[in-house]
Amino acid sequence: MRKNLYLIIILFSFSSCYTYQVKKQVVAATDSKQESKKNTAPVNTASMAMQNTKAESQILNAPQAPVPINVQETLAPNKKFKINVDGKSYKIIVDKWESDSLVAHPISNPKKILKFHKNQINAEKIAEKRFSQPIADIITVTAYAGIGVLIWSLIR
């Protein structure tokens, strides 16, 4: 029992509260609903209401395309990212942008310089390194439970 507890505590001490998370894409809200209200003349309120409901139902039923991601704005300098280039995954720190090329270095090897064209980078799979509150909470609760069990075993 003690060996398993020590193993669990050691494994949690090596885990990190930081994870790579992909930003959620914003769905483009079409303004045609507002435009249809502005462009219709108030000739008949009943027909106007029917036209608005038709336009709203078409907007709700139409598939909404996500806003295209601008790779240059997403990959900011001096931040850590996990990118996918030509099917290969890289964990990088962005150095700078030189026109359409990204200049970065791998997290594990700061002396190596990587260059990627913005069209090579898969914009949908750009993941930024962020603090993960749920993982931090799990580690904290486990550490407190381990300390409690340790104190209980010393007293007993």
N, C-alpha and C. Protein backbone atom coordinates (compact mmCIF):
# COMPACT_ATOMS: atom_id res chain seq x y z
N MET A 1 0.84 -1.20 0.00
CA MET A 1 0.00 0.00 0.00
C MET A 1 0.88 1.25 0.00
N ARG A 2 1.91 1.25 0.83
CA ARG A 2 2.79 2.42 0.91
C ARG A 2 3.56 2.63 -0.39
N LYS A 3 4.00 1.55 -1.01
CA LYS A 3 4.73 1.67 -2.26
C LYS A 3 3.84 2.29 -3.34
N ASN A 4 2.58 1.86 -3.39
CA ASN A 4 1.66 2.43 -4.38
C ASN A 4 1.39 3.91 -4.10
N LEU A 5 1.27 4.26 -2.84
CA LEU A 5 1.02 5.65 -2.47
C LEU A 5 2.22 6.52 -2.84
N TYR A 6 3.42 6.02 -2.55
CA TYR A 6 4.62 6.77 -2.91
C TYR A 6 4.74 6.93 -4.43
N LEU A 7 4.40 5.89 -5.16
CA LEU A 7 4.45 5.94 -6.61
C LEU A 7 3.47 6.98 -7.15
N ILE A 8 2.27 7.02 -6.60
CA ILE A 8 1.27 8.00 -7.04
C ILE A 8 1.74 9.41 -6.73
N ILE A 9 2.30 9.63 -5.56
CA ILE A 9 2.79 10.96 -5.20
C ILE A 9 3.92 11.39 -6.12
N ILE A 10 4.83 10.48 -6.42
CA ILE A 10 5.95 10.80 -7.32
C ILE A 10 5.44 11.10 -8.73
N LEU A 11 4.47 10.33 -9.21
CA LEU A 11 3.94 10.57 -10.56
C LEU A 11 3.24 11.94 -10.63
N PHE A 12 2.50 12.31 -9.60
CA PHE A 12 1.84 13.61 -9.62
C PHE A 12 2.83 14.76 -9.48
N SER A 13 3.96 14.50 -8.85
CA SER A 13 4.96 15.57 -8.73
C SER A 13 5.61 15.87 -10.09
N PHE A 14 5.61 14.89 -11.00
CA PHE A 14 6.18 15.11 -12.33
C PHE A 14 5.17 15.68 -13.32
N SER A 15 3.91 15.69 -12.98
CA SER A 15 2.91 16.21 -13.92
C SER A 15 2.89 17.73 -13.87
N SER A 16 2.41 18.32 -14.94
CA SER A 16 2.41 19.77 -15.07
C SER A 16 0.98 20.29 -15.13
N CYS A 17 0.80 21.48 -14.61
CA CYS A 17 -0.52 22.12 -14.66
C CYS A 17 -0.73 22.82 -16.00
N TYR A 18 0.29 22.84 -16.83
CA TYR A 18 0.18 23.50 -18.12
C TYR A 18 -0.10 22.47 -19.21
N THR A 19 -1.07 22.77 -20.05
CA THR A 19 -1.42 21.90 -21.16
C THR A 19 -1.51 22.71 -22.43
N TYR A 20 -1.44 22.03 -23.55
CA TYR A 20 -1.63 22.69 -24.84
C TYR A 20 -3.11 22.62 -25.20
N GLN A 21 -3.73 23.78 -25.36
CA GLN A 21 -5.16 23.84 -25.64
C GLN A 21 -5.41 24.60 -26.94
N VAL A 22 -6.26 24.02 -27.77
CA VAL A 22 -6.65 24.66 -29.02
C VAL A 22 -7.75 25.66 -28.72
N LYS A 23 -7.60 26.87 -29.24
CA LYS A 23 -8.62 27.90 -29.02
C LYS A 23 -9.88 27.52 -29.78
N LYS A 24 -11.01 27.82 -29.20
CA LYS A 24 -12.28 27.55 -29.85
C LYS A 24 -12.49 28.55 -30.97
N GLN A 25 -13.00 28.04 -32.11
CA GLN A 25 -13.24 28.91 -33.24
C GLN A 25 -14.53 29.69 -33.05
N VAL A 26 -14.51 30.95 -33.43
CA VAL A 26 -15.69 31.80 -33.34
C VAL A 26 -16.49 31.63 -34.61
N VAL A 27 -17.79 31.36 -34.45
CA VAL A 27 -18.66 31.20 -35.61
C VAL A 27 -19.09 32.58 -36.07
N ALA A 28 -18.99 32.83 -37.36
CA ALA A 28 -19.35 34.14 -37.90
C ALA A 28 -20.84 34.35 -37.80
N ALA A 29 -21.23 35.43 -37.14
CA ALA A 29 -22.64 35.78 -37.03
C ALA A 29 -23.00 36.64 -38.23
N THR A 30 -23.94 36.14 -39.00
CA THR A 30 -24.32 36.90 -40.19
C THR A 30 -25.21 38.05 -39.80
N ASP A 31 -24.96 39.18 -40.44
CA ASP A 31 -25.73 40.38 -40.16
C ASP A 31 -26.90 40.54 -41.12
N SER A 32 -27.21 39.49 -41.87
CA SER A 32 -28.30 39.61 -42.82
C SER A 32 -29.64 39.79 -42.12
N LYS A 33 -29.73 39.31 -40.88
CA LYS A 33 -30.96 39.51 -40.12
C LYS A 33 -31.18 41.00 -39.87
N GLN A 34 -30.13 41.70 -39.49
CA GLN A 34 -30.24 43.12 -39.25
C GLN A 34 -30.44 43.88 -40.56
N GLU A 35 -29.77 43.44 -41.62
CA GLU A 35 -29.90 44.10 -42.91
C GLU A 35 -31.31 43.95 -43.46
N SER A 36 -31.92 42.78 -43.27
CA SER A 36 -33.27 42.58 -43.78
C SER A 36 -34.26 43.48 -43.07
N LYS A 37 -34.03 43.75 -41.79
CA LYS A 37 -34.92 44.64 -41.06
C LYS A 37 -34.75 46.08 -41.53
N LYS A 38 -33.53 46.48 -41.89
CA LYS A 38 -33.29 47.85 -42.33
C LYS A 38 -33.80 48.09 -43.74
N ASN A 39 -33.69 47.11 -44.62
CA ASN A 39 -34.01 47.30 -46.03
C ASN A 39 -35.50 47.19 -46.33
N THR A 40 -36.30 46.62 -45.48
CA THR A 40 -37.73 46.48 -45.77
C THR A 40 -38.45 47.76 -45.44
N ALA A 41 -39.36 48.13 -46.33
CA ALA A 41 -40.16 49.34 -46.12
C ALA A 41 -41.40 48.96 -45.32
N PRO A 42 -41.82 49.79 -44.38
CA PRO A 42 -42.97 49.44 -43.54
C PRO A 42 -44.30 49.64 -44.26
N VAL A 43 -44.53 48.86 -45.33
CA VAL A 43 -45.77 48.94 -46.09
C VAL A 43 -46.87 48.20 -45.34
N ASN A 44 -46.60 46.98 -44.98
CA ASN A 44 -47.59 46.17 -44.28
C ASN A 44 -46.86 45.45 -43.15
N THR A 45 -47.28 45.66 -41.92
CA THR A 45 -46.56 45.08 -40.78
C THR A 45 -46.70 43.56 -40.75
N ALA A 46 -47.82 43.02 -41.20
CA ALA A 46 -48.00 41.57 -41.20
C ALA A 46 -47.04 40.91 -42.19
N SER A 47 -46.91 41.49 -43.38
CA SER A 47 -46.01 40.90 -44.37
C SER A 47 -44.56 41.09 -43.95
N MET A 48 -44.28 42.22 -43.29
CA MET A 48 -42.91 42.47 -42.81
C MET A 48 -42.53 41.45 -41.74
N ALA A 49 -43.45 41.14 -40.84
CA ALA A 49 -43.18 40.16 -39.80
C ALA A 49 -42.93 38.79 -40.39
N MET A 50 -43.69 38.44 -41.44
CA MET A 50 -43.50 37.13 -42.09
C MET A 50 -42.15 37.08 -42.79
N GLN A 51 -41.75 38.20 -43.42
CA GLN A 51 -40.46 38.23 -44.09
C GLN A 51 -39.32 38.08 -43.08
N ASN A 52 -39.45 38.75 -41.93
CA ASN A 52 -38.42 38.65 -40.90
C ASN A 52 -38.31 37.24 -40.36
N THR A 53 -39.46 36.57 -40.16
CA THR A 53 -39.40 35.20 -39.65
C THR A 53 -38.80 34.27 -40.68
N LYS A 54 -39.10 34.49 -41.96
CA LYS A 54 -38.49 33.67 -43.01
C LYS A 54 -36.97 33.86 -43.03
N ALA A 55 -36.54 35.13 -42.96
CA ALA A 55 -35.10 35.42 -42.97
C ALA A 55 -34.42 34.82 -41.76
N GLU A 56 -35.06 34.93 -40.59
CA GLU A 56 -34.46 34.37 -39.38
C GLU A 56 -34.38 32.85 -39.45
N SER A 57 -35.42 32.20 -39.98
CA SER A 57 -35.39 30.74 -40.07
C SER A 57 -34.35 30.28 -41.08
N GLN A 58 -34.16 31.06 -42.18
CA GLN A 58 -33.12 30.69 -43.14
C GLN A 58 -31.74 30.84 -42.52
N ILE A 59 -31.55 31.88 -41.71
CA ILE A 59 -30.26 32.09 -41.06
C ILE A 59 -29.98 30.98 -40.06
N LEU A 60 -31.00 30.59 -39.30
CA LEU A 60 -30.81 29.53 -38.30
C LEU A 60 -30.55 28.19 -38.95
N ASN A 61 -31.18 27.92 -40.10
CA ASN A 61 -31.02 26.64 -40.76
C ASN A 61 -29.78 26.57 -41.63
N ALA A 62 -29.26 27.71 -42.05
CA ALA A 62 -28.08 27.74 -42.91
C ALA A 62 -26.84 27.37 -42.10
N PRO A 63 -25.95 26.57 -42.68
CA PRO A 63 -24.71 26.23 -41.96
C PRO A 63 -23.83 27.46 -41.86
N GLN A 64 -23.36 27.73 -40.66
CA GLN A 64 -22.52 28.90 -40.44
C GLN A 64 -21.06 28.47 -40.47
N ALA A 65 -20.30 29.17 -41.28
CA ALA A 65 -18.89 28.84 -41.43
C ALA A 65 -18.09 29.53 -40.34
N PRO A 66 -17.09 28.84 -39.77
CA PRO A 66 -16.26 29.49 -38.77
C PRO A 66 -15.39 30.57 -39.41
N VAL A 67 -15.04 31.54 -38.60
CA VAL A 67 -14.18 32.61 -39.07
C VAL A 67 -12.80 32.04 -39.34
N PRO A 68 -12.21 32.33 -40.51
CA PRO A 68 -10.87 31.79 -40.78
C PRO A 68 -9.85 32.35 -39.78
N ILE A 69 -8.95 31.47 -39.37
CA ILE A 69 -7.97 31.84 -38.36
C ILE A 69 -6.77 32.49 -39.04
N ASN A 70 -6.37 33.66 -38.55
CA ASN A 70 -5.18 34.32 -39.06
C ASN A 70 -3.99 33.77 -38.28
N VAL A 71 -3.15 33.03 -38.97
CA VAL A 71 -2.03 32.34 -38.33
C VAL A 71 -1.04 33.35 -37.74
N GLN A 72 -0.81 34.46 -38.42
CA GLN A 72 0.16 35.44 -37.94
C GLN A 72 -0.30 36.12 -36.66
N GLU A 73 -1.60 36.33 -36.50
CA GLU A 73 -2.11 36.93 -35.26
C GLU A 73 -2.14 35.92 -34.13
N THR A 74 -2.41 34.67 -34.46
CA THR A 74 -2.50 33.63 -33.44
C THR A 74 -1.14 33.30 -32.84
N LEU A 75 -0.13 33.18 -33.68
CA LEU A 75 1.21 32.81 -33.22
C LEU A 75 1.98 34.07 -32.85
N ALA A 76 1.84 34.49 -31.61
CA ALA A 76 2.50 35.70 -31.12
C ALA A 76 3.92 35.36 -30.66
N PRO A 77 4.84 36.32 -30.80
CA PRO A 77 6.23 36.07 -30.38
C PRO A 77 6.35 35.81 -28.88
N ASN A 78 7.36 35.02 -28.52
CA ASN A 78 7.73 34.68 -27.14
C ASN A 78 6.66 33.88 -26.41
N LYS A 79 5.81 33.17 -27.12
CA LYS A 79 4.82 32.28 -26.51
C LYS A 79 5.07 30.87 -26.99
N LYS A 80 4.60 29.91 -26.18
CA LYS A 80 4.80 28.50 -26.51
C LYS A 80 3.55 27.96 -27.19
N PHE A 81 3.76 27.23 -28.29
CA PHE A 81 2.67 26.66 -29.06
C PHE A 81 3.02 25.24 -29.48
N LYS A 82 1.98 24.50 -29.79
CA LYS A 82 2.13 23.20 -30.41
C LYS A 82 1.45 23.32 -31.77
N ILE A 83 2.23 23.19 -32.84
CA ILE A 83 1.69 23.36 -34.18
C ILE A 83 1.84 22.08 -34.97
N ASN A 84 1.04 21.97 -36.01
CA ASN A 84 1.08 20.81 -36.89
C ASN A 84 1.47 21.30 -38.27
N VAL A 85 2.62 20.87 -38.75
CA VAL A 85 3.12 21.29 -40.06
C VAL A 85 3.35 20.04 -40.92
N ASP A 86 2.61 19.96 -42.01
CA ASP A 86 2.74 18.84 -42.94
C ASP A 86 2.63 17.49 -42.25
N GLY A 87 1.70 17.38 -41.31
CA GLY A 87 1.46 16.13 -40.62
C GLY A 87 2.40 15.83 -39.47
N LYS A 88 3.33 16.72 -39.20
CA LYS A 88 4.28 16.51 -38.10
C LYS A 88 4.02 17.56 -37.03
N SER A 89 4.07 17.16 -35.77
CA SER A 89 3.76 18.05 -34.65
C SER A 89 5.04 18.63 -34.06
N TYR A 90 5.03 19.93 -33.78
CA TYR A 90 6.18 20.62 -33.19
C TYR A 90 5.73 21.40 -31.96
N LYS A 91 6.52 21.35 -30.89
CA LYS A 91 6.33 22.22 -29.74
C LYS A 91 7.40 23.30 -29.86
N ILE A 92 6.93 24.54 -30.06
CA ILE A 92 7.85 25.61 -30.40
C ILE A 92 7.64 26.84 -29.51
N ILE A 93 8.67 27.69 -29.51
CA ILE A 93 8.57 29.05 -28.97
C ILE A 93 8.76 29.97 -30.17
N VAL A 94 7.77 30.82 -30.42
CA VAL A 94 7.81 31.70 -31.58
C VAL A 94 8.81 32.82 -31.35
N ASP A 95 9.70 33.01 -32.32
CA ASP A 95 10.68 34.10 -32.24
C ASP A 95 10.15 35.35 -32.93
N LYS A 96 9.82 35.21 -34.23
CA LYS A 96 9.32 36.37 -34.98
C LYS A 96 8.72 35.91 -36.30
N TRP A 97 8.09 36.85 -36.97
CA TRP A 97 7.57 36.63 -38.31
C TRP A 97 8.43 37.43 -39.28
N GLU A 98 8.89 36.78 -40.33
CA GLU A 98 9.60 37.44 -41.42
C GLU A 98 8.71 37.34 -42.65
N SER A 99 8.00 38.39 -42.95
CA SER A 99 6.96 38.47 -43.98
C SER A 99 5.96 37.32 -43.79
N ASP A 100 6.00 36.28 -44.62
CA ASP A 100 5.05 35.17 -44.49
C ASP A 100 5.65 33.93 -43.84
N SER A 101 6.84 34.03 -43.30
CA SER A 101 7.53 32.88 -42.70
C SER A 101 7.62 33.04 -41.19
N LEU A 102 7.34 31.96 -40.51
CA LEU A 102 7.46 31.91 -39.06
C LEU A 102 8.86 31.43 -38.70
N VAL A 103 9.54 32.18 -37.85
CA VAL A 103 10.85 31.79 -37.34
C VAL A 103 10.65 31.43 -35.88
N ALA A 104 11.00 30.18 -35.54
CA ALA A 104 10.79 29.69 -34.18
C ALA A 104 11.90 28.71 -33.83
N HIS A 105 11.90 28.31 -32.57
CA HIS A 105 12.83 27.26 -32.15
C HIS A 105 12.08 26.26 -31.28
N PRO A 106 12.50 24.99 -31.33
CA PRO A 106 11.85 23.98 -30.50
C PRO A 106 12.08 24.27 -29.02
N ILE A 107 11.13 23.88 -28.20
CA ILE A 107 11.25 24.09 -26.75
C ILE A 107 12.44 23.31 -26.19
N SER A 108 12.65 22.12 -26.71
CA SER A 108 13.72 21.27 -26.19
C SER A 108 15.11 21.68 -26.67
N ASN A 109 15.20 22.41 -27.79
CA ASN A 109 16.51 22.77 -28.35
C ASN A 109 16.48 24.23 -28.81
N PRO A 110 16.81 25.17 -27.93
CA PRO A 110 16.71 26.59 -28.30
C PRO A 110 17.72 27.05 -29.36
N LYS A 111 18.76 26.26 -29.61
CA LYS A 111 19.75 26.67 -30.60
C LYS A 111 19.31 26.35 -32.03
N LYS A 112 18.41 25.39 -32.19
CA LYS A 112 17.93 25.00 -33.51
C LYS A 112 16.86 26.00 -33.97
N ILE A 113 16.95 26.46 -35.20
CA ILE A 113 15.99 27.43 -35.73
C ILE A 113 15.12 26.73 -36.78
N LEU A 114 13.81 26.90 -36.63
CA LEU A 114 12.85 26.34 -37.57
C LEU A 114 12.17 27.47 -38.33
N LYS A 115 11.95 27.25 -39.63
CA LYS A 115 11.23 28.22 -40.44
C LYS A 115 10.10 27.51 -41.15
N PHE A 116 8.90 28.09 -41.05
CA PHE A 116 7.72 27.53 -41.70
C PHE A 116 7.00 28.65 -42.43
N HIS A 117 6.48 28.33 -43.60
CA HIS A 117 5.62 29.28 -44.31
C HIS A 117 4.24 29.20 -43.68
N LYS A 118 3.52 30.32 -43.67
CA LYS A 118 2.22 30.33 -42.99
C LYS A 118 1.21 29.38 -43.63
N ASN A 119 1.39 29.04 -44.92
CA ASN A 119 0.47 28.10 -45.57
C ASN A 119 0.76 26.65 -45.18
N GLN A 120 1.95 26.36 -44.66
CA GLN A 120 2.29 25.01 -44.23
C GLN A 120 1.65 24.67 -42.89
N ILE A 121 1.36 25.67 -42.06
CA ILE A 121 0.88 25.45 -40.71
C ILE A 121 -0.62 25.17 -40.73
N ASN A 122 -1.03 24.10 -40.08
CA ASN A 122 -2.45 23.76 -39.96
C ASN A 122 -3.07 24.68 -38.91
N ALA A 123 -3.86 25.66 -39.34
CA ALA A 123 -4.39 26.69 -38.45
C ALA A 123 -5.40 26.13 -37.46
N GLU A 124 -6.06 25.03 -37.80
CA GLU A 124 -7.07 24.46 -36.91
C GLU A 124 -6.47 23.72 -35.72
N LYS A 125 -5.21 23.35 -35.82
CA LYS A 125 -4.58 22.56 -34.76
C LYS A 125 -3.50 23.33 -34.00
N ILE A 126 -3.57 24.66 -34.02
CA ILE A 126 -2.62 25.45 -33.26
C ILE A 126 -3.07 25.43 -31.80
N ALA A 127 -2.21 24.93 -30.93
CA ALA A 127 -2.55 24.83 -29.51
C ALA A 127 -1.56 25.67 -28.70
N GLU A 128 -2.12 26.53 -27.86
CA GLU A 128 -1.28 27.40 -27.03
C GLU A 128 -1.09 26.75 -25.67
N LYS A 129 0.08 26.93 -25.09
CA LYS A 129 0.35 26.38 -23.77
C LYS A 129 -0.30 27.28 -22.74
N ARG A 130 -1.24 26.70 -21.97
CA ARG A 130 -2.00 27.46 -20.98
C ARG A 130 -2.07 26.71 -19.66
N PHE A 131 -2.38 27.48 -18.63
CA PHE A 131 -2.56 26.90 -17.31
C PHE A 131 -3.91 26.20 -17.26
N SER A 132 -3.94 24.97 -16.77
CA SER A 132 -5.17 24.19 -16.68
C SER A 132 -5.61 24.09 -15.22
N GLN A 133 -6.66 24.79 -14.89
CA GLN A 133 -7.16 24.81 -13.52
C GLN A 133 -7.63 23.44 -13.03
N PRO A 134 -8.38 22.64 -13.84
CA PRO A 134 -8.79 21.31 -13.34
C PRO A 134 -7.61 20.40 -12.98
N ILE A 135 -6.57 20.43 -13.78
CA ILE A 135 -5.40 19.59 -13.48
C ILE A 135 -4.73 20.08 -12.21
N ALA A 136 -4.64 21.39 -12.04
CA ALA A 136 -4.04 21.94 -10.82
C ALA A 136 -4.86 21.55 -9.59
N ASP A 137 -6.18 21.56 -9.72
CA ASP A 137 -7.03 21.16 -8.60
C ASP A 137 -6.85 19.69 -8.25
N ILE A 138 -6.74 18.84 -9.25
CA ILE A 138 -6.54 17.41 -9.01
C ILE A 138 -5.20 17.17 -8.31
N ILE A 139 -4.16 17.84 -8.76
CA ILE A 139 -2.84 17.69 -8.14
C ILE A 139 -2.87 18.19 -6.70
N THR A 140 -3.54 19.31 -6.45
CA THR A 140 -3.62 19.87 -5.10
C THR A 140 -4.36 18.93 -4.15
N VAL A 141 -5.50 18.42 -4.59
CA VAL A 141 -6.29 17.51 -3.74
C VAL A 141 -5.51 16.23 -3.48
N THR A 142 -4.84 15.71 -4.49
CA THR A 142 -4.05 14.50 -4.31
C THR A 142 -2.88 14.74 -3.35
N ALA A 143 -2.23 15.89 -3.46
CA ALA A 143 -1.13 16.20 -2.56
C ALA A 143 -1.62 16.31 -1.12
N TYR A 144 -2.76 16.99 -0.93
CA TYR A 144 -3.32 17.10 0.43
C TYR A 144 -3.72 15.73 0.97
N ALA A 145 -4.31 14.89 0.13
CA ALA A 145 -4.69 13.55 0.57
C ALA A 145 -3.44 12.73 0.92
N GLY A 146 -2.40 12.86 0.13
CA GLY A 146 -1.15 12.14 0.42
C GLY A 146 -0.52 12.60 1.72
N ILE A 147 -0.54 13.92 1.96
CA ILE A 147 0.00 14.45 3.21
C ILE A 147 -0.83 13.97 4.39
N GLY A 148 -2.15 13.94 4.20
CA GLY A 148 -3.04 13.46 5.27
C GLY A 148 -2.79 12.01 5.60
N VAL A 149 -2.64 11.18 4.57
CA VAL A 149 -2.36 9.75 4.78
C VAL A 149 -1.00 9.56 5.42
N LEU A 150 -0.04 10.36 5.04
CA LEU A 150 1.30 10.29 5.62
C LEU A 150 1.26 10.63 7.11
N ILE A 151 0.58 11.71 7.46
CA ILE A 151 0.44 12.10 8.89
C ILE A 151 -0.32 11.03 9.66
N TRP A 152 -1.38 10.50 9.05
CA TRP A 152 -2.18 9.47 9.72
C TRP A 152 -1.33 8.21 9.96
N SER A 153 -0.49 7.84 8.96
CA SER A 153 0.33 6.64 9.13
C SER A 153 1.45 6.87 10.18
N LEU A 154 1.94 8.11 10.32
CA LEU A 154 2.96 8.41 11.34
C LEU A 154 2.36 8.39 12.74
N ILE A 155 1.16 8.88 12.86
CA ILE A 155 0.51 8.91 14.18
C ILE A 155 0.10 7.51 14.61
N ARG A 156 -0.36 6.72 13.71
CA ARG A 156 -0.85 5.38 14.02
C ARG A 156 0.32 4.51 14.30
